[in-house]
Structure formats: C-alpha cells, structure tokens
C-alpha cells in the first residue's frame, strides 16, 4: 500500500471514529483529552498527524482503544514523514468531518443565492436593451445577394435600431421600394421581427424596418 493510501485510510478511520463519538467540537476534545486544540484541528482536518501521545489521547477520548490504534498511528506517521511537505496528505471532501462538509455546502449555496438575487435586482433596475444589431447604421457597401421589397403600409417607419421604441429616421410611403441583403438575419425584439434594409433615398448604410410592413417583389433592372 502506498503512503498516500495509508494516510487516506487512516484519516478515514479517524473521521468515522469522530462521527461515531457524536462529532464533538475540537474545543471539547482538547478539553476532555487535556491536549492542544491546534493538534485536534490538525488531526480532524487532515492537515497532519500530531505526535504519537497526543494523537492517542484524542483517539482515546473519542472511544478508540490504544492497543488497536497505536500501530495504525505509528504506520500513518511513518508514511507522513516519508512524503514531501508540499504533498502532505489532505483528505477528500467526503472524508472531511461532517461539520466541515456542512459549512462548505452552506457557503456554496449561500454564494449562489446571493448571485441570483443580485442578477434579479440588476434586471429589475436596468432597462431592456435591444439585441446587438450588426448592420445598423454601418457604412458598408452592399456585398451580398440582394432582395427587393415594397412597402405595403403608408407611413411605415424606418428605425435606427431594431427597436420600435428607438429613434425613427423617416416614414416610407406605400409602394416605396427597398432592398435588403440576405447575409443579415432578421432580428426579433419585443415580439416584433425587424429586417435590415437599405432604401434608395437613404445615405449609404443599413437601418431597420418591420417585416410585416414589407412584401417581397422582383428587383428592377
């Protein structure tokens, strides 16, 4: 058995002995065993195994028999001495004392709850913002497959962004023609579908119109 396995097995037995004794606090153990609280914490946390006498005092207080435990302590301390200090045995989470595990779980749950509350507050405070609009007001030349459409509603607005509450650049009349580049996908915002369009009379650049205000048609020569 490797030194790591020896130490892991030893700390597992200590954990089981501690829980079988009702998981008393380090303070109570130190007081009852007439030893230092630091040594108790070191042993229960898996940081290190104290001296033989101190370790056996703690074990005896927890209900263990010295005759049974003395060889286990000696073997574990020998394995500990052979390992580099930087690799001192540390028990797995499930091998930690019950109180330690409960505190760790409470900390994780508490942190997650705080994050969720903060995110909810931020969503309540900050106004809704439209999704990113890649082509909006960009001075790009038309470089994709073009489609043509006619405006089917008089006074159809042309928006600066894909948002009905955003700035309106102008209104288009019924039968006005527009073109759009199919490389830009439609954007859905607040239940409305927008299309990036370029109208002939506009300065070079793309703006947004509602899809329901448009009807596809054949492009002219």
Protein backbone atom coordinates (compact mmCIF):
# COMPACT_ATOMS: atom_id res chain seq x y z
CA UNK A 1 0.00 0.00 0.00
CA UNK A 2 1.36 3.44 -0.93
CA UNK A 3 1.97 6.15 1.64
CA UNK A 4 -0.97 8.09 0.23
CA UNK A 5 -3.27 5.10 0.66
CA UNK A 6 -2.03 4.55 4.22
CA UNK A 7 -2.75 8.15 5.15
CA UNK A 8 -6.10 8.18 3.34
CA UNK A 9 -7.20 5.05 5.17
CA UNK A 10 -6.02 6.45 8.50
CA UNK A 11 -7.90 9.73 8.10
CA UNK A 12 -11.00 7.83 7.02
CA UNK A 13 -10.87 5.80 10.24
CA UNK A 14 -10.37 9.00 12.27
CA UNK A 15 -13.39 10.56 10.57
CA UNK A 16 -15.54 7.51 11.31
CA UNK A 17 -14.36 7.44 14.93
CA UNK A 18 -15.11 11.16 15.31
CA UNK A 19 -18.62 10.83 13.86
CA UNK A 20 -19.33 7.71 15.95
CA UNK A 21 -18.50 9.77 19.05
CA UNK A 22 -21.12 12.35 18.06
CA UNK A 23 -18.73 14.70 16.22
CA UNK A 24 -17.69 16.73 19.29
CA UNK A 25 -16.01 20.09 18.65
CA UNK A 26 -12.24 20.50 18.67
CA UNK A 27 -12.58 22.57 21.83
CA UNK A 28 -14.46 19.82 23.66
CA UNK A 29 -11.96 17.19 22.52
CA UNK A 30 -8.98 19.30 23.57
CA UNK A 31 -10.55 19.93 26.96
CA UNK A 32 -11.51 16.28 27.52
CA UNK A 33 -8.20 14.86 26.27
CA UNK A 34 -6.15 17.56 28.04
CA UNK A 35 -4.31 18.50 24.84
CA UNK A 36 -3.94 21.43 22.47
CA UNK A 37 -6.82 22.50 20.26
CA UNK A 38 -4.37 23.02 17.40
CA UNK A 39 -3.35 19.37 17.46
CA UNK A 40 -7.00 18.30 17.42
CA UNK A 41 -7.76 20.55 14.45
CA UNK A 42 -4.70 19.26 12.58
CA UNK A 43 -5.80 15.67 13.01
CA UNK A 44 -9.50 16.15 12.24
CA UNK A 45 -8.84 18.36 9.22
CA UNK A 46 -6.24 16.02 7.76
CA UNK A 47 -3.55 18.67 7.85
CA UNK A 48 -1.13 16.46 9.71
CA UNK A 49 -0.88 13.79 12.38
CA UNK A 50 0.40 15.16 15.71
CA UNK A 51 2.82 13.26 17.95
CA UNK A 52 2.00 9.71 18.98
CA UNK A 53 0.99 10.59 22.54
CA UNK A 54 -1.24 13.48 21.53
CA UNK A 55 -2.89 11.50 18.73
CA UNK A 56 -3.59 8.55 21.01
CA UNK A 57 -5.08 10.88 23.66
CA UNK A 58 -7.50 12.23 21.09
CA UNK A 59 -8.36 8.74 19.87
CA UNK A 60 -8.93 7.50 23.41
CA UNK A 61 -11.24 10.45 24.14
CA UNK A 62 -13.24 9.56 21.02
CA UNK A 63 -13.65 5.98 22.26
CA UNK A 64 -10.81 4.23 20.46
CA UNK A 65 -8.61 1.60 22.09
CA UNK A 66 -4.90 2.49 22.33
CA UNK A 67 -3.83 -1.12 21.74
CA UNK A 68 -5.74 -1.18 18.45
CA UNK A 69 -4.77 2.30 17.31
CA UNK A 70 -1.12 2.52 18.36
CA UNK A 71 0.22 0.54 15.35
CA UNK A 72 -2.07 2.45 12.98
CA UNK A 73 -0.80 5.77 14.31
CA UNK A 74 2.82 4.66 14.02
CA UNK A 75 2.31 3.45 10.46
CA UNK A 76 0.50 6.64 9.40
CA UNK A 77 3.11 8.92 10.98
CA UNK A 78 5.87 6.98 9.21
CA UNK A 79 4.05 7.42 5.88
CA UNK A 80 3.60 11.13 6.63
CA UNK A 81 7.32 11.52 7.36
CA UNK A 82 8.26 9.95 4.02
CA UNK A 83 6.14 12.34 1.98
CA UNK A 84 7.35 15.79 0.88
CA UNK A 85 5.84 18.55 2.95
CA UNK A 86 4.27 20.13 -0.13
CA UNK A 87 2.30 16.92 -0.65
CA UNK A 88 1.09 16.40 2.91
CA UNK A 89 -1.98 14.21 2.92
CA UNK A 90 -5.22 16.06 2.71
CA UNK A 91 -8.48 14.11 2.92
CA UNK A 92 -11.02 14.18 0.15
CA UNK A 93 -14.12 16.28 0.73
CA UNK A 94 -16.22 13.26 1.60
CA UNK A 95 -13.61 12.24 4.17
CA UNK A 96 -13.74 15.57 5.99
CA UNK A 97 -15.61 15.91 9.30
CA UNK A 98 -19.37 16.31 8.92
CA UNK A 99 -19.34 19.83 10.36
CA UNK A 100 -16.72 20.90 7.80
CA UNK A 101 -18.75 19.50 4.91
CA UNK A 102 -21.96 21.17 6.10
CA UNK A 103 -20.21 24.55 6.36
CA UNK A 104 -18.75 24.15 2.85
CA UNK A 105 -22.14 23.26 1.34
CA UNK A 106 -23.81 26.18 3.15
CA UNK A 107 -21.16 28.55 1.80
CA UNK A 108 -21.66 27.38 -1.80
CA UNK A 109 -25.45 27.57 -1.57
CA UNK A 110 -25.31 30.99 0.08
CA UNK A 111 -22.99 32.36 -2.58
CA UNK A 112 -25.20 31.05 -5.40
CA UNK A 113 -28.27 32.59 -3.75
CA UNK A 114 -26.59 35.99 -3.42
CA UNK A 115 -25.52 35.93 -7.09
CA UNK A 116 -29.08 35.04 -8.19
CA UNK A 117 -30.54 37.88 -6.10
CA UNK A 118 -28.05 40.41 -7.49
CA UNK A 119 -28.80 39.34 -11.08
CA UNK A 120 -32.53 39.70 -10.46
CA UNK A 121 -32.09 43.17 -8.96
CA UNK A 122 -29.94 44.26 -11.92
CA UNK A 123 -32.60 43.02 -14.35
CA UNK A 124 -35.25 44.99 -12.47
CA UNK A 125 -33.20 48.21 -12.37
CA UNK A 126 -31.67 48.30 -15.84
CA UNK A 127 -33.98 48.98 -18.82
CA UNK A 128 -34.45 46.44 -21.55
CA UNK A 129 -31.94 46.89 -24.33
CA UNK A 130 -32.35 45.64 -27.87
CA UNK A 131 -30.14 42.82 -29.04
CA UNK A 132 -26.93 43.66 -30.89
CA UNK A 133 -27.66 45.00 -34.37
CA UNK A 134 -24.72 44.15 -36.58
CA UNK A 135 -25.57 46.20 -39.66
CA UNK A 136 -27.34 49.17 -38.06
CA UNK A 137 -26.06 52.46 -39.48
CA UNK A 138 -22.92 50.78 -40.80
CA UNK A 139 -21.40 52.44 -43.84
CA UNK A 140 -20.91 49.17 -45.67
CA UNK A 141 -21.36 48.73 -49.37
CA UNK A 142 -23.86 46.13 -50.48
CA UNK A 143 -21.86 42.95 -50.97
CA UNK A 144 -24.32 40.09 -50.64
CA UNK A 145 -27.28 38.63 -52.51
CA UNK A 146 -29.86 41.39 -52.74
CA UNK A 147 -33.61 41.11 -52.47
CA UNK A 148 -36.23 43.71 -53.24
CA UNK A 149 -39.43 44.56 -51.42
CA UNK A 150 -42.27 47.07 -51.50
CA UNK A 151 -43.65 48.94 -48.50
CA UNK A 152 -47.25 47.82 -48.06
CA UNK A 153 -48.33 50.31 -45.39
CA UNK A 154 -48.39 54.07 -45.64
CA UNK A 155 -46.20 55.74 -43.06
CA UNK A 156 -44.12 52.64 -42.32
CA UNK A 157 -41.26 53.77 -40.04
CA UNK A 158 -37.56 53.25 -40.66
CA UNK A 159 -35.82 52.74 -37.31
CA UNK A 160 -32.24 53.49 -36.40
CA UNK A 161 -32.08 50.26 -34.36
CA UNK A 162 -34.19 47.10 -34.22
CA UNK A 163 -36.50 48.55 -31.59
CA UNK A 164 -39.97 50.09 -32.01
CA UNK A 165 -39.20 52.40 -29.11
CA UNK A 166 -35.99 53.62 -30.72
CA UNK A 167 -35.38 56.62 -32.95
CA UNK A 168 -37.32 56.82 -36.23
CA UNK A 169 -35.30 58.17 -39.15
CA UNK A 170 -38.24 58.64 -41.52
CA UNK A 171 -41.51 57.12 -42.70
CA UNK A 172 -41.89 55.32 -46.01
CA UNK A 173 -44.98 55.57 -48.17
CA UNK A 174 -46.91 52.66 -49.58
CA UNK A 175 -45.27 51.20 -52.72
CA UNK A 176 -41.86 52.67 -51.86
CA UNK A 177 -39.13 50.21 -52.80
CA UNK A 178 -36.36 48.99 -50.56
CA UNK A 179 -33.60 46.41 -50.80
CA UNK A 180 -32.12 44.12 -48.20
CA UNK A 181 -29.06 41.93 -48.05
CA UNK A 182 -29.78 38.32 -47.12
CA UNK A 183 -26.48 37.93 -45.27
CA UNK A 184 -28.11 39.82 -42.39
CA UNK A 185 -30.58 37.76 -40.42
CA UNK A 186 -33.86 39.16 -39.18
CA UNK A 187 -33.90 40.26 -35.55
CA UNK A 188 -36.76 39.58 -33.14
CA UNK A 189 -37.15 42.14 -30.37
CA UNK A 190 -40.12 42.57 -28.03
CA UNK A 191 -42.29 40.33 -30.19
CA UNK A 192 -41.59 42.20 -33.43
CA UNK A 193 -39.44 40.98 -36.32
CA UNK A 194 -37.10 43.52 -37.94
CA UNK A 195 -35.18 43.41 -41.22
CA UNK A 196 -32.00 45.32 -42.04
CA UNK A 197 -32.94 47.37 -45.10
CA UNK A 198 -31.35 49.91 -47.39
CA UNK A 199 -33.72 52.35 -49.05
CA UNK A 200 -32.64 54.10 -52.27
CA UNK A 201 -33.04 57.63 -50.96
CA UNK A 202 -31.16 57.00 -47.71
CA UNK A 203 -27.48 57.77 -47.18
CA UNK A 204 -25.34 54.62 -47.58
CA UNK A 205 -25.96 52.40 -44.62
CA UNK A 206 -28.45 49.93 -43.19
CA UNK A 207 -31.42 50.66 -40.98
CA UNK A 208 -34.38 48.63 -39.75
CA UNK A 209 -38.00 48.11 -40.76
CA UNK A 210 -40.71 45.78 -39.53
CA UNK A 211 -41.03 42.68 -41.69
CA UNK A 212 -44.82 42.95 -41.54
CA UNK A 213 -44.60 46.29 -43.40
CA UNK A 214 -42.77 44.71 -46.34
CA UNK A 215 -43.68 42.48 -49.26
CA UNK A 216 -41.04 40.83 -51.44
CA UNK A 217 -41.06 41.69 -55.12
CA UNK A 218 -38.96 41.35 -58.25
CA UNK A 219 -35.93 43.61 -58.46
CA UNK A 220 -35.91 46.04 -61.38
CA UNK A 221 -33.18 46.24 -64.00
